C-alpha atoms as a PDB file:
ATOM      1  CA  MET A   1      52.983  86.833  91.111  1.00  0.00           C
ATOM      2  CA  MET A   2      56.471  85.393  91.576  1.00  0.00           C
ATOM      3  CA  LYS A   3      57.095  83.015  94.449  1.00  0.00           C
ATOM      4  CA  PRO A   4      59.573  84.332  97.052  1.00  0.00           C
ATOM      5  CA  SER A   5      61.946  81.393  96.483  1.00  0.00           C
ATOM      6  CA  VAL A   6      62.121  82.116  92.735  1.00  0.00           C
ATOM      7  CA  PHE A   7      62.646  85.817  93.439  1.00  0.00           C
ATOM      8  CA  PHE A   8      65.525  85.135  95.835  1.00  0.00           C
ATOM      9  CA  LEU A   9      67.066  82.670  93.369  1.00  0.00           C
ATOM     10  CA  LEU A  10      66.980  85.321  90.632  1.00  0.00           C
ATOM     11  CA  VAL A  11      68.523  87.909  92.959  1.00  0.00           C
ATOM     12  CA  PHE A  12      71.229  85.406  93.975  1.00  0.00           C
ATOM     13  CA  VAL A  13      72.093  84.473  90.365  1.00  0.00           C
ATOM     14  CA  THR A  14      72.136  88.137  89.289  1.00  0.00           C
ATOM     15  CA  THR A  15      74.433  89.016  92.191  1.00  0.00           C
ATOM     16  CA  ILE A  16      76.815  86.145  91.356  1.00  0.00           C
ATOM     17  CA  LEU A  17      76.943  87.089  87.663  1.00  0.00           C
ATOM     18  CA  SER A  18      77.575  90.743  88.529  1.00  0.00           C
ATOM     19  CA  ALA A  19      80.357  89.797  90.945  1.00  0.00           C
ATOM     20  CA  GLN A  20      81.927  87.504  88.311  1.00  0.00           C
ATOM     21  CA  LYS A  21      81.883  90.329  85.760  1.00  0.00           C
ATOM     22  CA  ASN A  22      83.696  92.603  88.258  1.00  0.00           C
ATOM     23  CA  ILE A  23      86.276  89.875  88.971  1.00  0.00           C
ATOM     24  CA  ASP A  24      86.835  89.260  85.240  1.00  0.00           C
ATOM     25  CA  HIS A  25      87.492  92.988  84.820  1.00  0.00           C
ATOM     26  CA  LYS A  26      90.086  92.852  87.626  1.00  0.00           C
ATOM     27  CA  TYR A  27      91.906  89.990  85.858  1.00  0.00           C
ATOM     28  CA  ALA A  28      92.378  92.268  82.823  1.00  0.00           C
ATOM     29  CA  GLU A  29      93.881  95.249  84.700  1.00  0.00           C
ATOM     30  CA  PHE A  30      97.484  94.207  84.047  1.00  0.00           C
ATOM     31  CA  ASN A  31      96.976  93.204  80.396  1.00  0.00           C
ATOM     32  CA  PHE A  32      98.701  96.410  79.227  1.00  0.00           C
ATOM     33  CA  TRP A  33     101.985  94.680  80.081  1.00  0.00           C
ATOM     34  CA  ILE A  34     101.373  91.681  77.787  1.00  0.00           C
ATOM     35  CA  GLY A  35     103.675  91.552  74.755  1.00  0.00           C
ATOM     36  CA  GLU A  36     107.215  90.936  73.602  1.00  0.00           C
ATOM     37  CA  TRP A  37     109.469  93.774  74.647  1.00  0.00           C
ATOM     38  CA  ASN A  38     112.952  95.175  74.395  1.00  0.00           C
ATOM     39  CA  VAL A  39     113.691  96.664  77.807  1.00  0.00           C
ATOM     40  CA  TYR A  40     115.674  99.893  77.819  1.00  0.00           C
ATOM     41  CA  LYS A  41     117.307 101.820  80.625  1.00  0.00           C
ATOM     42  CA  HIS A  42     114.754 104.616  81.194  1.00  0.00           C
ATOM     43  CA  ASN A  43     115.013 107.511  78.726  1.00  0.00           C
ATOM     44  CA  THR A  44     117.986 106.004  76.852  1.00  0.00           C
ATOM     45  CA  ASP A  45     118.681 103.913  73.760  1.00  0.00           C
ATOM     46  CA  THR A  46     120.485 101.306  75.896  1.00  0.00           C
ATOM     47  CA  ILE A  47     118.807  97.896  75.746  1.00  0.00           C
ATOM     48  CA  VAL A  48     119.266  96.039  79.038  1.00  0.00           C
ATOM     49  CA  GLY A  49     116.985  93.066  78.417  1.00  0.00           C
ATOM     50  CA  LYS A  50     114.242  91.275  76.580  1.00  0.00           C
ATOM     51  CA  SER A  51     110.974  90.319  78.178  1.00  0.00           C
ATOM     52  CA  LYS A  52     108.088  88.163  77.040  1.00  0.00           C
ATOM     53  CA  ILE A  53     104.855  88.769  78.937  1.00  0.00           C
ATOM     54  CA  GLU A  54     102.009  86.366  78.183  1.00  0.00           C
ATOM     55  CA  ALA A  55      98.563  85.501  79.482  1.00  0.00           C
ATOM     56  CA  ILE A  56      98.283  81.867  80.601  1.00  0.00           C
ATOM     57  CA  ILE A  57      95.791  79.642  82.435  1.00  0.00           C
ATOM     58  CA  ASP A  58      92.585  80.904  80.795  1.00  0.00           C
ATOM     59  CA  ASP A  59      93.941  84.481  80.800  1.00  0.00           C
ATOM     60  CA  LYS A  60      93.876  84.547  84.621  1.00  0.00           C
ATOM     61  CA  VAL A  61      97.677  84.609  85.081  1.00  0.00           C
ATOM     62  CA  ILE A  62     100.370  86.742  83.484  1.00  0.00           C
ATOM     63  CA  LYS A  63     103.764  85.090  83.055  1.00  0.00           C
ATOM     64  CA  GLU A  64     106.930  87.108  82.548  1.00  0.00           C
ATOM     65  CA  THR A  65     110.144  85.666  81.136  1.00  0.00           C
ATOM     66  CA  TYR A  66     113.058  88.122  81.352  1.00  0.00           C
ATOM     67  CA  HIS A  67     116.612  87.823  79.977  1.00  0.00           C
ATOM     68  CA  SER A  68     119.325  90.438  80.413  1.00  0.00           C
ATOM     69  CA  THR A  69     121.157  91.426  77.235  1.00  0.00           C
ATOM     70  CA  THR A  70     124.191  92.616  79.215  1.00  0.00           C
ATOM     71  CA  SER A  71     124.779  89.599  81.496  1.00  0.00           C
ATOM     72  CA  LYS A  72     123.662  86.021  82.159  1.00  0.00           C
ATOM     73  CA  TYR A  73     120.898  87.246  84.483  1.00  0.00           C
ATOM     74  CA  HIS A  74     117.394  85.917  83.854  1.00  0.00           C
ATOM     75  CA  GLY A  75     114.203  85.291  85.761  1.00  0.00           C
ATOM     76  CA  THR A  76     110.493  84.748  85.593  1.00  0.00           C
ATOM     77  CA  SER A  77     107.392  85.900  87.394  1.00  0.00           C
ATOM     78  CA  LEU A  78     103.797  84.823  87.767  1.00  0.00           C
ATOM     79  CA  ASN A  79     101.271  87.593  88.307  1.00  0.00           C
ATOM     80  CA  LYS A  80      97.620  87.156  89.216  1.00  0.00           C
ATOM     81  CA  TYR A  81      94.678  88.896  90.735  1.00  0.00           C
ATOM     82  CA  ASN A  82      93.627  87.250  94.001  1.00  0.00           C
ATOM     83  CA  PRO A  83      89.871  87.757  94.525  1.00  0.00           C
ATOM     84  CA  ARG A  84      90.143  86.646  98.167  1.00  0.00           C
ATOM     85  CA  THR A  85      92.462  89.527  99.068  1.00  0.00           C
ATOM     86  CA  ASN A  86      91.303  91.897  96.293  1.00  0.00           C
ATOM     87  CA  GLN A  87      94.965  92.413  95.349  1.00  0.00           C
ATOM     88  CA  TRP A  88      97.353  91.591  92.571  1.00  0.00           C
ATOM     89  CA  GLU A  89     100.309  89.376  93.474  1.00  0.00           C
ATOM     90  CA  GLN A  90     103.636  88.772  91.792  1.00  0.00           C
ATOM     91  CA  PHE A  91     105.966  85.892  92.582  1.00  0.00           C
ATOM     92  CA  TRP A  92     109.418  86.484  91.019  1.00  0.00           C
ATOM     93  CA  VAL A  93     112.382  84.077  90.964  1.00  0.00           C
ATOM     94  CA  ASP A  94     115.695  84.415  89.178  1.00  0.00           C
ATOM     95  CA  ASN A  95     119.081  82.791  88.673  1.00  0.00           C
ATOM     96  CA  SER A  96     120.707  84.966  91.360  1.00  0.00           C
ATOM     97  CA  GLY A  97     118.610  83.242  94.014  1.00  0.00           C
ATOM     98  CA  LEU A  98     116.235  86.176  94.507  1.00  0.00           C
ATOM     99  CA  THR A  99     112.660  85.377  95.446  1.00  0.00           C
ATOM    100  CA  LEU A 100     110.231  88.268  95.597  1.00  0.00           C
ATOM    101  CA  HIS A 101     106.552  88.173  96.555  1.00  0.00           C
ATOM    102  CA  ILE A 102     104.822  91.534  96.173  1.00  0.00           C
ATOM    103  CA  GLN A 103     101.179  92.593  96.341  1.00  0.00           C
ATOM    104  CA  GLY A 104      99.062  95.599  95.452  1.00  0.00           C
ATOM    105  CA  ASN A 105      96.662  97.192  92.989  1.00  0.00           C
ATOM    106  CA  ILE A 106      96.170  99.883  90.405  1.00  0.00           C
ATOM    107  CA  LYS A 107      96.824 103.271  92.000  1.00  0.00           C
ATOM    108  CA  ASP A 108      96.790 106.578  90.117  1.00  0.00           C
ATOM    109  CA  GLY A 109      96.887 104.754  86.773  1.00  0.00           C
ATOM    110  CA  LYS A 110      99.850 102.532  87.726  1.00  0.00           C
ATOM    111  CA  MET A 111     100.049  98.932  88.872  1.00  0.00           C
ATOM    112  CA  VAL A 112     101.886  99.227  92.201  1.00  0.00           C
ATOM    113  CA  LEU A 113     103.025  96.064  94.000  1.00  0.00           C
ATOM    114  CA  GLN A 114     105.061  96.110  97.196  1.00  0.00           C
ATOM    115  CA  ASN A 115     106.229  94.242 100.275  1.00  0.00           C
ATOM    116  CA  GLN A 116     108.322  94.472 103.417  1.00  0.00           C
ATOM    117  CA  VAL A 117     110.843  91.786 104.265  1.00  0.00           C
ATOM    118  CA  ASP A 118     112.702  91.367 107.546  1.00  0.00           C
ATOM    119  CA  THR A 119     116.383  90.636 106.895  1.00  0.00           C
ATOM    120  CA  GLU A 120     119.487  90.286 109.059  1.00  0.00           C
ATOM    121  CA  LYS A 121     120.182  93.975 108.346  1.00  0.00           C
ATOM    122  CA  GLY A 122     116.649  95.154 109.161  1.00  0.00           C
ATOM    123  CA  THR A 123     113.444  95.744 107.219  1.00  0.00           C
ATOM    124  CA  LEU A 124     113.695  96.005 103.428  1.00  0.00           C
ATOM    125  CA  SER A 125     110.742  97.525 101.550  1.00  0.00           C
ATOM    126  CA  ASN A 126     110.202  96.961  97.826  1.00  0.00           C
ATOM    127  CA  LYS A 127     107.829  98.965  95.653  1.00  0.00           C
ATOM    128  CA  ILE A 128     107.539  98.190  91.939  1.00  0.00           C
ATOM    129  CA  SER A 129     105.261 100.112  89.593  1.00  0.00           C
ATOM    130  CA  TRP A 130     104.250  99.597  85.972  1.00  0.00           C
ATOM    131  CA  GLN A 131     102.707 102.407  83.970  1.00  0.00           C
ATOM    132  CA  LYS A 132     101.328 102.261  80.445  1.00  0.00           C
ATOM    133  CA  ASN A 133     102.431 105.329  78.522  1.00  0.00           C
ATOM    134  CA  PRO A 134     100.523 107.120  75.728  1.00  0.00           C
ATOM    135  CA  ASP A 135     103.009 105.741  73.144  1.00  0.00           C
ATOM    136  CA  ASN A 136     102.132 102.131  74.221  1.00  0.00           C
ATOM    137  CA  THR A 137     105.418 101.630  76.036  1.00  0.00           C
ATOM    138  CA  VAL A 138     105.426 100.522  79.669  1.00  0.00           C
ATOM    139  CA  ARG A 139     107.668 102.023  82.319  1.00  0.00           C
ATOM    140  CA  GLN A 140     108.709  99.807  85.222  1.00  0.00           C
ATOM    141  CA  THR A 141     110.283 101.382  88.285  1.00  0.00           C
ATOM    142  CA  TRP A 142     111.584  99.374  91.255  1.00  0.00           C
ATOM    143  CA  LEU A 143     112.289 101.262  94.462  1.00  0.00           C
ATOM    144  CA  GLN A 144     113.758  99.978  97.738  1.00  0.00           C
ATOM    145  CA  SER A 145     113.788 101.456 101.215  1.00  0.00           C
ATOM    146  CA  THR A 146     115.760 100.421 104.294  1.00  0.00           C
ATOM    147  CA  ASP A 147     114.093 102.994 106.565  1.00  0.00           C
ATOM    148  CA  LYS A 148     110.467 101.812 106.304  1.00  0.00           C
ATOM    149  CA  GLY A 149     109.612 104.111 103.405  1.00  0.00           C
ATOM    150  CA  LYS A 150     111.088 107.392 104.617  1.00  0.00           C
ATOM    151  CA  SER A 151     113.492 107.399 101.656  1.00  0.00           C
ATOM    152  CA  TRP A 152     113.696 105.298  98.492  1.00  0.00           C
ATOM    153  CA  LYS A 153     116.527 104.168  96.214  1.00  0.00           C
ATOM    154  CA  VAL A 154     115.952 103.287  92.539  1.00  0.00           C
ATOM    155  CA  VAL A 155     116.941  99.661  91.891  1.00  0.00           C
ATOM    156  CA  PHE A 156     115.648  99.515  88.310  1.00  0.00           C
ATOM    157  CA  ASP A 157     114.032 102.027  85.965  1.00  0.00           C
ATOM    158  CA  GLY A 158     113.207 100.698  82.527  1.00  0.00           C
ATOM    159  CA  ASP A 159     111.091 101.313  79.466  1.00  0.00           C
ATOM    160  CA  TYR A 160     109.424  98.337  77.798  1.00  0.00           C
ATOM    161  CA  LYS A 161     109.153  98.947  74.041  1.00  0.00           C
ATOM    162  CA  SER A 162     107.358  96.483  71.817  1.00  0.00           C
ATOM    163  CA  ILE A 163     109.696  94.398  69.672  1.00  0.00           C
ATOM    164  CA  ILE A 164     107.111  94.550  66.878  1.00  0.00           C
ATOM    165  CA  SER A 165     107.257  98.374  66.722  1.00  0.00           C
ATOM    166  CA  ASP A 166     111.083  98.589  66.975  1.00  0.00           C
END
């Protein structure tokens, strides 16, 4: 017969390993975005940028490096799953001075990250979604609202197409 202390130790270790497996799965949810991409204006042949998305730091963080092909605009983001909040987070910075911190999760097959920011003009809501398509492209759509989500304006709508398959 097993001693109670050994039994509880086995239950504890099994629980920890199971939880770690679930967390590791969460870290992989955004891997569909990893690659080197030409970024097109949605549903057109117009290239608006190039983006390199790579896994870093033991595959726990996704780093984006974006460069516009139509201007001098460029920026980078770090994206990670936060097990404490059970949410994905993105921290974006660019050469225009924009800083964006958005959070969220997979919803209806899309990664959806969002925030609300109080500005001098009122509350600004951002909602950005990434969706893997059947043809292995990724569509990114960025929406903004100035009326707390009653209506949304498209800020960016782009298709990420692998440079390797172009």
